[in-house]
Amino acid sequence: MIIQVANDKQKIVFDHIWMQVWDEKGFEHEHVDGDCFLFYTEGKAAGTVQFVPFHDQALAEWSDFLHQDAIERLGRYPGQVFIIDKFAISRGFRSSNLLDLLMFSLFEYAESRDQLYAVALLDPLLYRLIRFQYHFRVEKIGPKAMYKGAEVIPILMDSRYFLSRKAELGWYRETAAALYANQTP
């Protein structure tokens, strides 16, 4: 199940999960405004993601990570790019289907808000997993860099490309079917 954080109690759970994962990795905590989501599995809150608008200030903050052509490209789409942030899965749930839920929520978010692109700073292992497990084009838009104590790869996902092919992807259909089946009384 995926829920958008809508109250203080849910926000406390959201913050607890991502902060605990950040602490495990030795990352600094950073609070930004955006749409926060909780992922539930087996009736328990098990993961988080936050989607943050990528505006001019974010472009300036990200400029150290990006190739010049990526900066120019993203600058051409004001209001149609968002950042994937605070993606965290609690330790006991890391081998579950939560990555499918994240990918599903990412593209549902993009579709519902007419977003063309998503950007993220990904762990190199997560980058490989997304490319090879989901067979999805994930474009590197900058060199590997150190960020908050870990190596990251700046990436761009083209939402339009994915959304035009989502019916062909088994993991997407299965995740959608499971989510909608759980919503029926």
C-alpha atoms as a PDB file:
ATOM      1  CA  MET A   1       0.000   0.000   0.000  1.00  0.00           C
ATOM      2  CA  ILE A   2       1.148   3.541  -0.740  1.00  0.00           C
ATOM      3  CA  ILE A   3      -0.186   6.520   1.180  1.00  0.00           C
ATOM      4  CA  GLN A   4       0.621  10.194   0.911  1.00  0.00           C
ATOM      5  CA  VAL A   5       1.601  11.650   4.266  1.00  0.00           C
ATOM      6  CA  ALA A   6      -1.345  13.775   5.356  1.00  0.00           C
ATOM      7  CA  ASN A   7      -1.016  14.291   9.110  1.00  0.00           C
ATOM      8  CA  ASP A   8       1.500  14.690  11.931  1.00  0.00           C
ATOM      9  CA  LYS A   9       1.316  11.038  12.993  1.00  0.00           C
ATOM     10  CA  GLN A  10       2.180   9.852   9.470  1.00  0.00           C
ATOM     11  CA  LYS A  11       4.942  12.481   9.237  1.00  0.00           C
ATOM     12  CA  ILE A  12       6.523  11.126  12.425  1.00  0.00           C
ATOM     13  CA  VAL A  13       6.536   7.596  10.951  1.00  0.00           C
ATOM     14  CA  PHE A  14       7.911   8.919   7.640  1.00  0.00           C
ATOM     15  CA  ASP A  15      10.720  10.840   9.386  1.00  0.00           C
ATOM     16  CA  HIS A  16      11.584   7.896  11.633  1.00  0.00           C
ATOM     17  CA  ILE A  17      12.082   5.539   8.670  1.00  0.00           C
ATOM     18  CA  TRP A  18      14.195   7.735   6.425  1.00  0.00           C
ATOM     19  CA  MET A  19      16.241   9.150   9.315  1.00  0.00           C
ATOM     20  CA  GLN A  20      17.005   5.663  10.609  1.00  0.00           C
ATOM     21  CA  VAL A  21      18.196   4.575   7.151  1.00  0.00           C
ATOM     22  CA  TRP A  22      20.232   7.789   6.750  1.00  0.00           C
ATOM     23  CA  ASP A  23      21.854   7.164  10.157  1.00  0.00           C
ATOM     24  CA  GLU A  24      22.802   3.612   9.076  1.00  0.00           C
ATOM     25  CA  LYS A  25      24.577   5.046   6.042  1.00  0.00           C
ATOM     26  CA  GLY A  26      26.159   7.956   7.913  1.00  0.00           C
ATOM     27  CA  PHE A  27      24.244  10.617   5.965  1.00  0.00           C
ATOM     28  CA  GLU A  28      23.335  14.060   7.288  1.00  0.00           C
ATOM     29  CA  HIS A  29      19.644  14.744   7.811  1.00  0.00           C
ATOM     30  CA  GLU A  30      18.202  17.333   5.480  1.00  0.00           C
ATOM     31  CA  HIS A  31      14.621  18.573   5.523  1.00  0.00           C
ATOM     32  CA  VAL A  32      13.018  19.921   2.353  1.00  0.00           C
ATOM     33  CA  ASP A  33       9.430  20.591   1.358  1.00  0.00           C
ATOM     34  CA  GLY A  34       7.800  18.104  -0.968  1.00  0.00           C
ATOM     35  CA  ASP A  35       5.182  15.378  -1.265  1.00  0.00           C
ATOM     36  CA  CYS A  36       5.968  12.552   1.155  1.00  0.00           C
ATOM     37  CA  PHE A  37       4.798   8.964   0.737  1.00  0.00           C
ATOM     38  CA  LEU A  38       4.856   5.924   3.014  1.00  0.00           C
ATOM     39  CA  PHE A  39       5.027   2.360   1.705  1.00  0.00           C
ATOM     40  CA  TYR A  40       3.363  -0.382   3.698  1.00  0.00           C
ATOM     41  CA  THR A  41       3.954  -4.088   3.445  1.00  0.00           C
ATOM     42  CA  GLU A  42       2.534  -6.793   5.689  1.00  0.00           C
ATOM     43  CA  GLY A  43       0.559  -4.030   7.423  1.00  0.00           C
ATOM     44  CA  LYS A  44       3.690  -2.181   8.519  1.00  0.00           C
ATOM     45  CA  ALA A  45       5.225   1.091   7.378  1.00  0.00           C
ATOM     46  CA  ALA A  46       8.389  -0.106   5.666  1.00  0.00           C
ATOM     47  CA  GLY A  47       9.618   2.599   3.314  1.00  0.00           C
ATOM     48  CA  THR A  48       9.520   6.233   2.259  1.00  0.00           C
ATOM     49  CA  VAL A  49       9.986   8.487  -0.723  1.00  0.00           C
ATOM     50  CA  GLN A  50       9.637  12.224  -1.181  1.00  0.00           C
ATOM     51  CA  PHE A  51       9.068  14.056  -4.454  1.00  0.00           C
ATOM     52  CA  VAL A  52      10.372  17.620  -4.500  1.00  0.00           C
ATOM     53  CA  PRO A  53       9.863  20.240  -7.235  1.00  0.00           C
ATOM     54  CA  PHE A  54      13.036  20.906  -9.217  1.00  0.00           C
ATOM     55  CA  HIS A  55      13.010  24.696  -9.513  1.00  0.00           C
ATOM     56  CA  ASP A  56      15.717  27.271 -10.240  1.00  0.00           C
ATOM     57  CA  GLN A  57      17.167  27.059  -6.721  1.00  0.00           C
ATOM     58  CA  ALA A  58      17.392  23.261  -6.982  1.00  0.00           C
ATOM     59  CA  LEU A  59      19.060  23.604 -10.374  1.00  0.00           C
ATOM     60  CA  ALA A  60      21.695  25.846  -8.807  1.00  0.00           C
ATOM     61  CA  GLU A  61      22.190  23.417  -5.904  1.00  0.00           C
ATOM     62  CA  TRP A  62      22.567  20.475  -8.288  1.00  0.00           C
ATOM     63  CA  SER A  63      24.865  22.227 -10.752  1.00  0.00           C
ATOM     64  CA  ASP A  64      27.991  20.735  -9.135  1.00  0.00           C
ATOM     65  CA  PHE A  65      26.675  17.240  -9.887  1.00  0.00           C
ATOM     66  CA  LEU A  66      25.461  17.736 -13.455  1.00  0.00           C
ATOM     67  CA  HIS A  67      27.029  17.964 -16.886  1.00  0.00           C
ATOM     68  CA  GLN A  68      26.473  21.384 -18.485  1.00  0.00           C
ATOM     69  CA  ASP A  69      24.154  19.967 -21.165  1.00  0.00           C
ATOM     70  CA  ALA A  70      21.970  18.440 -18.409  1.00  0.00           C
ATOM     71  CA  ILE A  71      21.737  21.805 -16.640  1.00  0.00           C
ATOM     72  CA  GLU A  72      20.615  23.466 -19.871  1.00  0.00           C
ATOM     73  CA  ARG A  73      18.162  20.666 -20.680  1.00  0.00           C
ATOM     74  CA  LEU A  74      16.522  20.689 -17.251  1.00  0.00           C
ATOM     75  CA  GLY A  75      16.342  24.468 -17.314  1.00  0.00           C
ATOM     76  CA  ARG A  76      14.103  24.244 -20.402  1.00  0.00           C
ATOM     77  CA  TYR A  77      11.340  22.453 -18.469  1.00  0.00           C
ATOM     78  CA  PRO A  78      10.420  24.645 -15.486  1.00  0.00           C
ATOM     79  CA  GLY A  79       7.706  23.076 -13.368  1.00  0.00           C
ATOM     80  CA  GLN A  80       7.946  19.723 -15.148  1.00  0.00           C
ATOM     81  CA  VAL A  81      10.892  18.149 -13.325  1.00  0.00           C
ATOM     82  CA  PHE A  82      10.933  16.699  -9.820  1.00  0.00           C
ATOM     83  CA  ILE A  83      13.541  15.251  -7.486  1.00  0.00           C
ATOM     84  CA  ILE A  84      13.292  11.765  -6.001  1.00  0.00           C
ATOM     85  CA  ASP A  85      14.411  12.171  -2.397  1.00  0.00           C
ATOM     86  CA  LYS A  86      14.276  10.290   0.891  1.00  0.00           C
ATOM     87  CA  PHE A  87      13.935   6.899  -0.741  1.00  0.00           C
ATOM     88  CA  ALA A  88      14.453   4.586   2.198  1.00  0.00           C
ATOM     89  CA  ILE A  89      13.498   1.014   2.997  1.00  0.00           C
ATOM     90  CA  SER A  90      13.661  -0.217   6.587  1.00  0.00           C
ATOM     91  CA  ARG A  91      16.225  -2.942   7.156  1.00  0.00           C
ATOM     92  CA  GLY A  92      13.765  -5.802   7.681  1.00  0.00           C
ATOM     93  CA  PHE A  93      11.966  -5.118   4.392  1.00  0.00           C
ATOM     94  CA  ARG A  94      14.789  -4.625   1.905  1.00  0.00           C
ATOM     95  CA  SER A  95      14.200  -7.870   0.055  1.00  0.00           C
ATOM     96  CA  SER A  96      10.487  -7.188  -0.413  1.00  0.00           C
ATOM     97  CA  ASN A  97       8.535  -5.632  -3.253  1.00  0.00           C
ATOM     98  CA  LEU A  98       9.100  -2.082  -2.008  1.00  0.00           C
ATOM     99  CA  LEU A  99      11.278  -1.150  -4.972  1.00  0.00           C
ATOM    100  CA  ASP A 100       8.336  -2.049  -7.230  1.00  0.00           C
ATOM    101  CA  LEU A 101       6.126   0.235  -5.112  1.00  0.00           C
ATOM    102  CA  LEU A 102       8.667   3.044  -5.370  1.00  0.00           C
ATOM    103  CA  MET A 103       8.916   2.758  -9.136  1.00  0.00           C
ATOM    104  CA  PHE A 104       5.130   2.537  -9.401  1.00  0.00           C
ATOM    105  CA  SER A 105       4.613   5.599  -7.188  1.00  0.00           C
ATOM    106  CA  LEU A 106       7.246   7.538  -9.112  1.00  0.00           C
ATOM    107  CA  PHE A 107       5.465   7.172 -12.416  1.00  0.00           C
ATOM    108  CA  GLU A 108       1.970   7.548 -10.984  1.00  0.00           C
ATOM    109  CA  TYR A 109       3.168  10.807  -9.441  1.00  0.00           C
ATOM    110  CA  ALA A 110       4.674  11.955 -12.743  1.00  0.00           C
ATOM    111  CA  GLU A 111       1.518  11.088 -14.654  1.00  0.00           C
ATOM    112  CA  SER A 112      -0.913  12.701 -12.206  1.00  0.00           C
ATOM    113  CA  ARG A 113       1.108  15.939 -12.095  1.00  0.00           C
ATOM    114  CA  ASP A 114       2.163  16.073 -15.751  1.00  0.00           C
ATOM    115  CA  GLN A 115       5.873  15.836 -14.930  1.00  0.00           C
ATOM    116  CA  LEU A 116       8.260  15.109 -17.803  1.00  0.00           C
ATOM    117  CA  TYR A 117      11.381  14.141 -15.863  1.00  0.00           C
ATOM    118  CA  ALA A 118      12.562  12.883 -12.494  1.00  0.00           C
ATOM    119  CA  VAL A 119      16.102  13.382 -11.225  1.00  0.00           C
ATOM    120  CA  ALA A 120      17.884  11.669  -8.360  1.00  0.00           C
ATOM    121  CA  LEU A 121      21.263  11.026  -6.830  1.00  0.00           C
ATOM    122  CA  LEU A 122      21.376   7.227  -6.764  1.00  0.00           C
ATOM    123  CA  ASP A 123      23.629   4.773  -5.048  1.00  0.00           C
ATOM    124  CA  PRO A 124      25.545   2.977  -7.858  1.00  0.00           C
ATOM    125  CA  LEU A 125      24.025  -0.397  -6.876  1.00  0.00           C
ATOM    126  CA  LEU A 126      20.496   1.006  -6.986  1.00  0.00           C
ATOM    127  CA  TYR A 127      21.286   2.579 -10.355  1.00  0.00           C
ATOM    128  CA  ARG A 128      22.292  -0.831 -11.765  1.00  0.00           C
ATOM    129  CA  LEU A 129      19.277  -2.532 -10.213  1.00  0.00           C
ATOM    130  CA  ILE A 130      16.845  -0.052 -11.758  1.00  0.00           C
ATOM    131  CA  ARG A 131      18.475  -0.348 -15.178  1.00  0.00           C
ATOM    132  CA  PHE A 132      18.651  -4.131 -15.256  1.00  0.00           C
ATOM    133  CA  GLN A 133      15.664  -5.281 -13.194  1.00  0.00           C
ATOM    134  CA  TYR A 134      13.219  -2.797 -14.667  1.00  0.00           C
ATOM    135  CA  HIS A 135      14.774  -2.574 -18.143  1.00  0.00           C
ATOM    136  CA  PHE A 136      14.245   1.151 -18.013  1.00  0.00           C
ATOM    137  CA  ARG A 137      16.413   3.824 -19.488  1.00  0.00           C
ATOM    138  CA  VAL A 138      18.068   5.707 -16.683  1.00  0.00           C
ATOM    139  CA  GLU A 139      20.333   8.403 -18.055  1.00  0.00           C
ATOM    140  CA  LYS A 140      23.479   9.446 -16.224  1.00  0.00           C
ATOM    141  CA  ILE A 141      23.532  13.244 -16.271  1.00  0.00           C
ATOM    142  CA  GLY A 142      26.755  13.741 -14.367  1.00  0.00           C
ATOM    143  CA  PRO A 143      29.805  11.902 -13.097  1.00  0.00           C
ATOM    144  CA  LYS A 144      29.900   9.791  -9.946  1.00  0.00           C
ATOM    145  CA  ALA A 145      30.344  12.067  -6.959  1.00  0.00           C
ATOM    146  CA  MET A 146      30.534  11.961  -3.195  1.00  0.00           C
ATOM    147  CA  TYR A 147      27.429  13.280  -1.447  1.00  0.00           C
ATOM    148  CA  LYS A 148      26.725  13.113   2.286  1.00  0.00           C
ATOM    149  CA  GLY A 149      29.428  10.503   2.720  1.00  0.00           C
ATOM    150  CA  ALA A 150      28.469   8.126  -0.090  1.00  0.00           C
ATOM    151  CA  GLU A 151      29.129   7.727  -3.786  1.00  0.00           C
ATOM    152  CA  VAL A 152      26.160   8.715  -5.967  1.00  0.00           C
ATOM    153  CA  ILE A 153      25.287   8.891  -9.641  1.00  0.00           C
ATOM    154  CA  PRO A 154      23.098  11.791 -10.830  1.00  0.00           C
ATOM    155  CA  ILE A 155      20.366  10.338 -13.038  1.00  0.00           C
ATOM    156  CA  LEU A 156      17.396  11.437 -15.104  1.00  0.00           C
ATOM    157  CA  MET A 157      14.298   9.369 -15.857  1.00  0.00           C
ATOM    158  CA  ASP A 158      12.101  10.342 -18.772  1.00  0.00           C
ATOM    159  CA  SER A 159       8.531   9.924 -17.510  1.00  0.00           C
ATOM    160  CA  ARG A 160       6.983  10.176 -20.972  1.00  0.00           C
ATOM    161  CA  TYR A 161       9.077   7.267 -22.236  1.00  0.00           C
ATOM    162  CA  PHE A 162       8.031   5.071 -19.353  1.00  0.00           C
ATOM    163  CA  LEU A 163       4.370   6.081 -19.352  1.00  0.00           C
ATOM    164  CA  SER A 164       4.059   5.287 -23.052  1.00  0.00           C
ATOM    165  CA  ARG A 165       5.250   1.719 -22.295  1.00  0.00           C
ATOM    166  CA  LYS A 166       3.862   0.938 -18.837  1.00  0.00           C
ATOM    167  CA  ALA A 167       1.277  -1.547 -20.138  1.00  0.00           C
ATOM    168  CA  GLU A 168       4.135  -3.663 -21.535  1.00  0.00           C
ATOM    169  CA  LEU A 169       5.910  -3.997 -18.192  1.00  0.00           C
ATOM    170  CA  GLY A 170       4.927  -7.014 -16.101  1.00  0.00           C
ATOM    171  CA  TRP A 171       6.187  -5.601 -12.782  1.00  0.00           C
ATOM    172  CA  TYR A 172       4.057  -2.477 -13.313  1.00  0.00           C
ATOM    173  CA  ARG A 173       0.881  -4.431 -14.134  1.00  0.00           C
ATOM    174  CA  GLU A 174       1.447  -6.775 -11.172  1.00  0.00           C
ATOM    175  CA  THR A 175       2.061  -3.908  -8.743  1.00  0.00           C
ATOM    176  CA  ALA A 176      -1.028  -2.034  -9.984  1.00  0.00           C
ATOM    177  CA  ALA A 177      -3.185  -5.165  -9.706  1.00  0.00           C
ATOM    178  CA  ALA A 178      -1.952  -5.868  -6.162  1.00  0.00           C
ATOM    179  CA  LEU A 179      -2.514  -2.277  -5.032  1.00  0.00           C
ATOM    180  CA  TYR A 180      -6.003  -2.064  -6.492  1.00  0.00           C
ATOM    181  CA  ALA A 181      -6.960  -5.500  -5.141  1.00  0.00           C
ATOM    182  CA  ASN A 182      -6.012  -4.333  -1.625  1.00  0.00           C
ATOM    183  CA  GLN A 183      -8.226  -1.249  -1.951  1.00  0.00           C
ATOM    184  CA  THR A 184     -11.384  -3.207  -2.691  1.00  0.00           C
ATOM    185  CA  PRO A 185     -13.667  -3.847   0.290  1.00  0.00           C
END
